[in-house]
Amino acid sequence: MRIFLLLLLAACSPTSLKDLRMEGEAETKKLALELRKIETKESLIRASPKLKKRFNRIADLLIQTHEFEELLPERKEFPRSGKDRDCVELPVQKGEILKEPSLASEELFIELARLYEIPGAKEIVEGAQKEAVAKLNSSDIK
């Protein structure tokens, strides 16, 4: 059963920069929707654990994207994890991802700006982001 789950996870993992971008867009949209529900400092405190998970997931996706981009100058293929080790062609060139802010990113920016108007909210949001920021700082992302 464990082997089946591992194979399933490997098969469902993103295999291209486009996949990672789509996942990032979806996670960013979900985070913006979560933030939109928050109206008070108390509701922000209650939502903090969920927000922390979303921030961490976005940080993980950024790190994965960076790792994919690092492969682009040397080769155009990335070995897929799993038993068969097939290679998947990467459909984009280095630097092609996120040339301009996406709609989801803009929505997230708007929601964060709105929340920062609530007294004490900035510190709570920064607390929820702390682990994700530490992940990004400890990674090779420059």
N, C-alpha and C. Protein backbone atom coordinates (compact mmCIF):
# COMPACT_ATOMS: atom_id res chain seq x y z
N MET A 1 0.82 -1.19 0.00
CA MET A 1 0.00 0.00 0.00
C MET A 1 0.87 1.26 0.00
N ARG A 2 1.95 1.26 0.78
CA ARG A 2 2.83 2.44 0.84
C ARG A 2 3.47 2.70 -0.51
N ILE A 3 3.88 1.63 -1.18
CA ILE A 3 4.50 1.78 -2.50
C ILE A 3 3.51 2.40 -3.48
N PHE A 4 2.26 1.95 -3.42
CA PHE A 4 1.23 2.50 -4.29
C PHE A 4 1.07 4.00 -4.06
N LEU A 5 1.02 4.41 -2.79
CA LEU A 5 0.88 5.83 -2.48
C LEU A 5 2.07 6.64 -2.98
N LEU A 6 3.27 6.10 -2.82
CA LEU A 6 4.46 6.80 -3.31
C LEU A 6 4.43 6.94 -4.82
N LEU A 7 4.04 5.88 -5.52
CA LEU A 7 3.94 5.96 -6.98
C LEU A 7 2.87 6.95 -7.41
N LEU A 8 1.76 6.96 -6.69
CA LEU A 8 0.69 7.90 -7.00
C LEU A 8 1.16 9.34 -6.81
N LEU A 9 1.87 9.60 -5.71
CA LEU A 9 2.39 10.94 -5.46
C LEU A 9 3.40 11.35 -6.53
N ALA A 10 4.26 10.43 -6.93
CA ALA A 10 5.26 10.74 -7.96
C ALA A 10 4.58 11.02 -9.29
N ALA A 11 3.55 10.26 -9.60
CA ALA A 11 2.84 10.45 -10.87
C ALA A 11 2.09 11.77 -10.89
N CYS A 12 1.66 12.24 -9.74
CA CYS A 12 0.88 13.48 -9.67
C CYS A 12 1.75 14.72 -9.48
N SER A 13 3.04 14.53 -9.30
CA SER A 13 3.90 15.69 -9.08
C SER A 13 4.08 16.46 -10.39
N PRO A 14 4.29 17.77 -10.30
CA PRO A 14 4.44 18.57 -11.51
C PRO A 14 5.67 18.13 -12.30
N THR A 15 5.53 18.10 -13.62
CA THR A 15 6.62 17.64 -14.47
C THR A 15 7.15 18.74 -15.38
N SER A 16 6.61 19.93 -15.28
CA SER A 16 7.10 21.02 -16.11
C SER A 16 6.92 22.34 -15.38
N LEU A 17 7.58 23.35 -15.88
CA LEU A 17 7.43 24.69 -15.31
C LEU A 17 6.00 25.18 -15.46
N LYS A 18 5.37 24.79 -16.56
CA LYS A 18 3.97 25.18 -16.77
C LYS A 18 3.08 24.58 -15.69
N ASP A 19 3.31 23.30 -15.35
CA ASP A 19 2.55 22.66 -14.27
C ASP A 19 2.76 23.39 -12.95
N LEU A 20 4.00 23.73 -12.66
CA LEU A 20 4.31 24.45 -11.42
C LEU A 20 3.63 25.81 -11.40
N ARG A 21 3.64 26.48 -12.53
CA ARG A 21 3.00 27.80 -12.58
C ARG A 21 1.50 27.67 -12.34
N MET A 22 0.89 26.67 -12.94
CA MET A 22 -0.55 26.48 -12.74
C MET A 22 -0.86 26.15 -11.28
N GLU A 23 -0.02 25.33 -10.66
CA GLU A 23 -0.19 25.02 -9.24
C GLU A 23 -0.01 26.27 -8.39
N GLY A 24 1.00 27.07 -8.72
CA GLY A 24 1.23 28.31 -7.99
C GLY A 24 0.07 29.27 -8.11
N GLU A 25 -0.47 29.38 -9.32
CA GLU A 25 -1.64 30.23 -9.54
C GLU A 25 -2.81 29.77 -8.67
N ALA A 26 -3.03 28.46 -8.65
CA ALA A 26 -4.15 27.91 -7.88
C ALA A 26 -3.95 28.17 -6.38
N GLU A 27 -2.74 27.95 -5.89
CA GLU A 27 -2.46 28.19 -4.47
C GLU A 27 -2.60 29.67 -4.11
N THR A 28 -2.13 30.54 -4.99
CA THR A 28 -2.23 31.98 -4.75
C THR A 28 -3.69 32.40 -4.71
N LYS A 29 -4.49 31.86 -5.62
CA LYS A 29 -5.93 32.17 -5.66
C LYS A 29 -6.61 31.69 -4.37
N LYS A 30 -6.27 30.47 -3.93
CA LYS A 30 -6.85 29.93 -2.70
C LYS A 30 -6.49 30.82 -1.50
N LEU A 31 -5.25 31.26 -1.46
CA LEU A 31 -4.81 32.13 -0.36
C LEU A 31 -5.58 33.45 -0.38
N ALA A 32 -5.73 34.04 -1.56
CA ALA A 32 -6.48 35.29 -1.68
C ALA A 32 -7.93 35.11 -1.23
N LEU A 33 -8.53 33.97 -1.58
CA LEU A 33 -9.91 33.70 -1.16
C LEU A 33 -10.00 33.53 0.35
N GLU A 34 -9.01 32.86 0.94
CA GLU A 34 -8.98 32.72 2.40
C GLU A 34 -8.89 34.10 3.06
N LEU A 35 -8.03 34.94 2.54
CA LEU A 35 -7.85 36.28 3.12
C LEU A 35 -9.11 37.13 2.97
N ARG A 36 -9.82 36.94 1.86
CA ARG A 36 -11.03 37.73 1.60
C ARG A 36 -12.09 37.48 2.67
N LYS A 37 -12.10 36.29 3.26
CA LYS A 37 -13.09 35.95 4.29
C LYS A 37 -12.81 36.65 5.63
N ILE A 38 -11.60 37.13 5.80
CA ILE A 38 -11.17 37.68 7.09
C ILE A 38 -11.58 39.15 7.18
N GLU A 39 -12.28 39.48 8.28
CA GLU A 39 -12.75 40.85 8.48
C GLU A 39 -12.19 41.50 9.74
N THR A 40 -11.77 40.69 10.71
CA THR A 40 -11.31 41.24 11.99
C THR A 40 -9.98 40.62 12.39
N LYS A 41 -9.34 41.24 13.36
CA LYS A 41 -8.09 40.71 13.88
C LYS A 41 -8.31 39.32 14.48
N GLU A 42 -9.44 39.13 15.14
CA GLU A 42 -9.76 37.84 15.75
C GLU A 42 -9.93 36.75 14.69
N SER A 43 -10.61 37.07 13.60
CA SER A 43 -10.78 36.06 12.54
C SER A 43 -9.44 35.77 11.86
N LEU A 44 -8.57 36.76 11.81
CA LEU A 44 -7.22 36.54 11.26
C LEU A 44 -6.42 35.60 12.16
N ILE A 45 -6.53 35.79 13.45
CA ILE A 45 -5.83 34.91 14.40
C ILE A 45 -6.33 33.47 14.23
N ARG A 46 -7.65 33.29 14.11
CA ARG A 46 -8.21 31.95 13.93
C ARG A 46 -7.76 31.32 12.62
N ALA A 47 -7.60 32.14 11.58
CA ALA A 47 -7.23 31.62 10.26
C ALA A 47 -5.72 31.42 10.10
N SER A 48 -4.93 31.90 11.04
CA SER A 48 -3.47 31.86 10.91
C SER A 48 -2.89 30.48 10.60
N PRO A 49 -3.32 29.40 11.27
CA PRO A 49 -2.74 28.08 10.94
C PRO A 49 -2.99 27.68 9.48
N LYS A 50 -4.17 27.98 8.98
CA LYS A 50 -4.50 27.66 7.59
C LYS A 50 -3.66 28.53 6.63
N LEU A 51 -3.51 29.79 6.98
CA LEU A 51 -2.71 30.70 6.15
C LEU A 51 -1.25 30.26 6.14
N LYS A 52 -0.76 29.83 7.28
CA LYS A 52 0.62 29.36 7.37
C LYS A 52 0.85 28.20 6.40
N LYS A 53 -0.10 27.26 6.34
CA LYS A 53 0.02 26.13 5.41
C LYS A 53 0.05 26.61 3.96
N ARG A 54 -0.78 27.59 3.64
CA ARG A 54 -0.82 28.11 2.26
C ARG A 54 0.49 28.83 1.91
N PHE A 55 1.00 29.64 2.84
CA PHE A 55 2.27 30.33 2.59
C PHE A 55 3.40 29.31 2.40
N ASN A 56 3.41 28.27 3.21
CA ASN A 56 4.44 27.23 3.08
C ASN A 56 4.33 26.50 1.75
N ARG A 57 3.11 26.22 1.31
CA ARG A 57 2.92 25.54 0.03
C ARG A 57 3.43 26.42 -1.12
N ILE A 58 3.15 27.69 -1.06
CA ILE A 58 3.62 28.60 -2.11
C ILE A 58 5.15 28.68 -2.09
N ALA A 59 5.75 28.72 -0.91
CA ALA A 59 7.21 28.72 -0.81
C ALA A 59 7.79 27.45 -1.42
N ASP A 60 7.17 26.30 -1.13
CA ASP A 60 7.64 25.03 -1.71
C ASP A 60 7.57 25.06 -3.23
N LEU A 61 6.49 25.62 -3.77
CA LEU A 61 6.35 25.71 -5.22
C LEU A 61 7.40 26.65 -5.83
N LEU A 62 7.69 27.75 -5.15
CA LEU A 62 8.74 28.66 -5.63
C LEU A 62 10.10 27.96 -5.66
N ILE A 63 10.38 27.18 -4.64
CA ILE A 63 11.65 26.45 -4.59
C ILE A 63 11.70 25.41 -5.70
N GLN A 64 10.60 24.68 -5.92
CA GLN A 64 10.56 23.69 -7.00
C GLN A 64 10.74 24.36 -8.36
N THR A 65 10.11 25.51 -8.54
CA THR A 65 10.23 26.24 -9.80
C THR A 65 11.68 26.65 -10.03
N HIS A 66 12.32 27.13 -8.99
CA HIS A 66 13.72 27.52 -9.10
C HIS A 66 14.59 26.32 -9.48
N GLU A 67 14.33 25.18 -8.87
CA GLU A 67 15.09 23.97 -9.19
C GLU A 67 14.88 23.56 -10.65
N PHE A 68 13.65 23.67 -11.16
CA PHE A 68 13.39 23.36 -12.56
C PHE A 68 14.15 24.33 -13.47
N GLU A 69 14.09 25.62 -13.13
CA GLU A 69 14.77 26.62 -13.95
C GLU A 69 16.27 26.41 -13.98
N GLU A 70 16.84 25.94 -12.87
CA GLU A 70 18.28 25.68 -12.83
C GLU A 70 18.69 24.63 -13.84
N LEU A 71 17.80 23.73 -14.20
CA LEU A 71 18.11 22.68 -15.16
C LEU A 71 18.09 23.18 -16.60
N LEU A 72 17.41 24.26 -16.87
CA LEU A 72 17.21 24.70 -18.24
C LEU A 72 18.47 25.05 -19.01
N PRO A 73 19.47 25.73 -18.44
CA PRO A 73 20.64 26.05 -19.26
C PRO A 73 21.40 24.82 -19.74
N GLU A 74 21.46 23.76 -18.91
CA GLU A 74 22.22 22.58 -19.27
C GLU A 74 21.45 21.62 -20.17
N ARG A 75 20.15 21.48 -19.93
CA ARG A 75 19.36 20.51 -20.68
C ARG A 75 17.92 20.96 -20.80
N LYS A 76 17.24 20.36 -21.74
CA LYS A 76 15.85 20.70 -21.98
C LYS A 76 14.90 19.65 -21.41
N GLU A 77 15.43 18.67 -20.69
CA GLU A 77 14.60 17.61 -20.13
C GLU A 77 14.82 17.51 -18.63
N PHE A 78 13.81 17.03 -17.95
CA PHE A 78 13.90 16.81 -16.51
C PHE A 78 13.43 15.40 -16.23
N PRO A 79 14.25 14.58 -15.57
CA PRO A 79 13.82 13.21 -15.31
C PRO A 79 12.65 13.18 -14.33
N ARG A 80 11.61 12.52 -14.73
CA ARG A 80 10.43 12.37 -13.88
C ARG A 80 10.75 11.35 -12.80
N SER A 81 10.29 11.61 -11.59
CA SER A 81 10.51 10.64 -10.53
C SER A 81 9.61 9.43 -10.77
N GLY A 82 10.00 8.32 -10.27
CA GLY A 82 9.20 7.11 -10.43
C GLY A 82 10.00 6.00 -11.07
N LYS A 83 9.34 4.89 -11.27
CA LYS A 83 10.00 3.67 -11.73
C LYS A 83 10.61 3.80 -13.13
N ASP A 84 9.85 4.38 -14.07
CA ASP A 84 10.31 4.38 -15.46
C ASP A 84 11.32 5.48 -15.79
N ARG A 85 11.42 6.51 -14.96
CA ARG A 85 12.40 7.59 -15.15
C ARG A 85 12.32 8.21 -16.54
N ASP A 86 11.10 8.33 -17.08
CA ASP A 86 10.92 9.00 -18.37
C ASP A 86 11.40 10.43 -18.27
N CYS A 87 11.77 10.98 -19.39
CA CYS A 87 12.14 12.39 -19.41
C CYS A 87 11.01 13.18 -20.04
N VAL A 88 10.73 14.32 -19.48
CA VAL A 88 9.65 15.16 -19.94
C VAL A 88 10.26 16.44 -20.50
N GLU A 89 9.86 16.82 -21.69
CA GLU A 89 10.39 18.04 -22.29
C GLU A 89 9.81 19.25 -21.59
N LEU A 90 10.66 20.19 -21.27
CA LEU A 90 10.20 21.42 -20.64
C LEU A 90 9.75 22.39 -21.73
N PRO A 91 8.52 22.90 -21.63
CA PRO A 91 7.97 23.71 -22.71
C PRO A 91 8.36 25.18 -22.68
N VAL A 92 9.08 25.63 -21.68
CA VAL A 92 9.42 27.05 -21.60
C VAL A 92 10.90 27.24 -21.40
N GLN A 93 11.36 28.43 -21.66
CA GLN A 93 12.77 28.77 -21.49
C GLN A 93 12.98 29.43 -20.14
N LYS A 94 14.21 29.45 -19.69
CA LYS A 94 14.55 30.08 -18.40
C LYS A 94 14.10 31.54 -18.41
N GLY A 95 13.50 31.96 -17.32
CA GLY A 95 13.05 33.34 -17.19
C GLY A 95 11.70 33.62 -17.80
N GLU A 96 11.09 32.63 -18.46
CA GLU A 96 9.82 32.85 -19.12
C GLU A 96 8.65 32.87 -18.13
N ILE A 97 8.86 32.27 -16.97
CA ILE A 97 7.78 32.19 -15.98
C ILE A 97 7.58 33.55 -15.32
N LEU A 98 6.32 33.88 -15.14
CA LEU A 98 5.92 35.09 -14.41
C LEU A 98 6.58 36.36 -14.93
N LYS A 99 6.41 36.61 -16.22
CA LYS A 99 6.93 37.85 -16.79
C LYS A 99 6.19 39.06 -16.21
N GLU A 100 4.92 38.87 -15.92
CA GLU A 100 4.13 39.94 -15.33
C GLU A 100 3.22 39.35 -14.27
N PRO A 101 2.76 40.17 -13.33
CA PRO A 101 1.91 39.63 -12.26
C PRO A 101 0.63 39.01 -12.82
N SER A 102 0.24 37.91 -12.23
CA SER A 102 -0.99 37.25 -12.65
C SER A 102 -2.18 37.87 -11.94
N LEU A 103 -3.36 37.53 -12.39
CA LEU A 103 -4.57 38.01 -11.74
C LEU A 103 -4.63 37.53 -10.29
N ALA A 104 -4.25 36.28 -10.06
CA ALA A 104 -4.25 35.74 -8.69
C ALA A 104 -3.28 36.52 -7.80
N SER A 105 -2.11 36.87 -8.33
CA SER A 105 -1.13 37.65 -7.56
C SER A 105 -1.68 39.03 -7.22
N GLU A 106 -2.35 39.63 -8.17
CA GLU A 106 -2.94 40.95 -7.92
C GLU A 106 -4.03 40.87 -6.87
N GLU A 107 -4.85 39.81 -6.94
CA GLU A 107 -5.90 39.62 -5.93
C GLU A 107 -5.29 39.43 -4.55
N LEU A 108 -4.21 38.67 -4.48
CA LEU A 108 -3.52 38.45 -3.21
C LEU A 108 -2.98 39.77 -2.66
N PHE A 109 -2.37 40.56 -3.51
CA PHE A 109 -1.83 41.86 -3.10
C PHE A 109 -2.95 42.74 -2.53
N ILE A 110 -4.08 42.78 -3.21
CA ILE A 110 -5.21 43.60 -2.76
C ILE A 110 -5.70 43.15 -1.39
N GLU A 111 -5.83 41.83 -1.22
CA GLU A 111 -6.32 41.31 0.07
C GLU A 111 -5.33 41.56 1.20
N LEU A 112 -4.05 41.40 0.93
CA LEU A 112 -3.05 41.69 1.96
C LEU A 112 -3.06 43.17 2.33
N ALA A 113 -3.17 44.04 1.34
CA ALA A 113 -3.23 45.48 1.61
C ALA A 113 -4.46 45.81 2.45
N ARG A 114 -5.58 45.18 2.14
CA ARG A 114 -6.80 45.41 2.92
C ARG A 114 -6.62 44.96 4.37
N LEU A 115 -6.04 43.77 4.55
CA LEU A 115 -5.83 43.26 5.90
C LEU A 115 -4.86 44.12 6.69
N TYR A 116 -3.85 44.66 6.03
CA TYR A 116 -2.86 45.48 6.74
C TYR A 116 -3.47 46.75 7.30
N GLU A 117 -4.66 47.11 6.86
CA GLU A 117 -5.36 48.27 7.42
C GLU A 117 -5.93 47.97 8.80
N ILE A 118 -6.09 46.69 9.13
CA ILE A 118 -6.59 46.29 10.44
C ILE A 118 -5.45 46.42 11.45
N PRO A 119 -5.64 47.16 12.54
CA PRO A 119 -4.56 47.30 13.53
C PRO A 119 -4.09 45.93 14.05
N GLY A 120 -2.77 45.72 14.00
CA GLY A 120 -2.17 44.48 14.49
C GLY A 120 -2.16 43.33 13.49
N ALA A 121 -2.81 43.50 12.35
CA ALA A 121 -2.91 42.41 11.38
C ALA A 121 -1.58 42.12 10.69
N LYS A 122 -0.82 43.16 10.43
CA LYS A 122 0.46 42.97 9.73
C LYS A 122 1.36 42.00 10.49
N GLU A 123 1.44 42.16 11.79
CA GLU A 123 2.28 41.29 12.60
C GLU A 123 1.78 39.84 12.58
N ILE A 124 0.47 39.66 12.57
CA ILE A 124 -0.10 38.31 12.54
C ILE A 124 0.19 37.64 11.19
N VAL A 125 0.01 38.39 10.11
CA VAL A 125 0.31 37.84 8.77
C VAL A 125 1.79 37.50 8.67
N GLU A 126 2.64 38.40 9.13
CA GLU A 126 4.08 38.13 9.09
C GLU A 126 4.45 36.90 9.91
N GLY A 127 3.75 36.69 11.02
CA GLY A 127 3.97 35.49 11.82
C GLY A 127 3.59 34.23 11.05
N ALA A 128 2.48 34.31 10.30
CA ALA A 128 2.05 33.16 9.49
C ALA A 128 3.02 32.90 8.34
N GLN A 129 3.71 33.94 7.88
CA GLN A 129 4.66 33.81 6.77
C GLN A 129 6.06 33.40 7.22
N LYS A 130 6.32 33.47 8.49
CA LYS A 130 7.69 33.32 9.01
C LYS A 130 8.38 32.04 8.54
N GLU A 131 7.71 30.90 8.66
CA GLU A 131 8.32 29.63 8.27
C GLU A 131 8.58 29.58 6.76
N ALA A 132 7.63 30.09 5.97
CA ALA A 132 7.79 30.11 4.52
C ALA A 132 8.97 30.99 4.11
N VAL A 133 9.10 32.14 4.75
CA VAL A 133 10.22 33.04 4.46
C VAL A 133 11.54 32.38 4.82
N ALA A 134 11.57 31.67 5.94
CA ALA A 134 12.80 30.96 6.35
C ALA A 134 13.17 29.89 5.33
N LYS A 135 12.16 29.18 4.80
CA LYS A 135 12.42 28.17 3.76
C LYS A 135 13.06 28.82 2.54
N LEU A 136 12.48 29.93 2.11
CA LEU A 136 13.00 30.62 0.93
C LEU A 136 14.40 31.15 1.18
N ASN A 137 14.64 31.68 2.36
CA ASN A 137 15.97 32.20 2.68
C ASN A 137 17.02 31.10 2.74
N SER A 138 16.64 29.91 3.17
CA SER A 138 17.60 28.82 3.28
C SER A 138 17.78 28.06 1.96
N SER A 139 16.94 28.35 0.98
CA SER A 139 17.07 27.69 -0.33
C SER A 139 18.10 28.44 -1.17
N ASP A 140 18.32 27.95 -2.37
CA ASP A 140 19.28 28.58 -3.28
C ASP A 140 18.69 29.74 -4.07
N ILE A 141 17.45 30.10 -3.80
CA ILE A 141 16.81 31.18 -4.54
C ILE A 141 17.48 32.49 -4.18
N LYS A 142 17.86 33.25 -5.19
CA LYS A 142 18.54 34.53 -4.96
C LYS A 142 17.61 35.67 -5.27
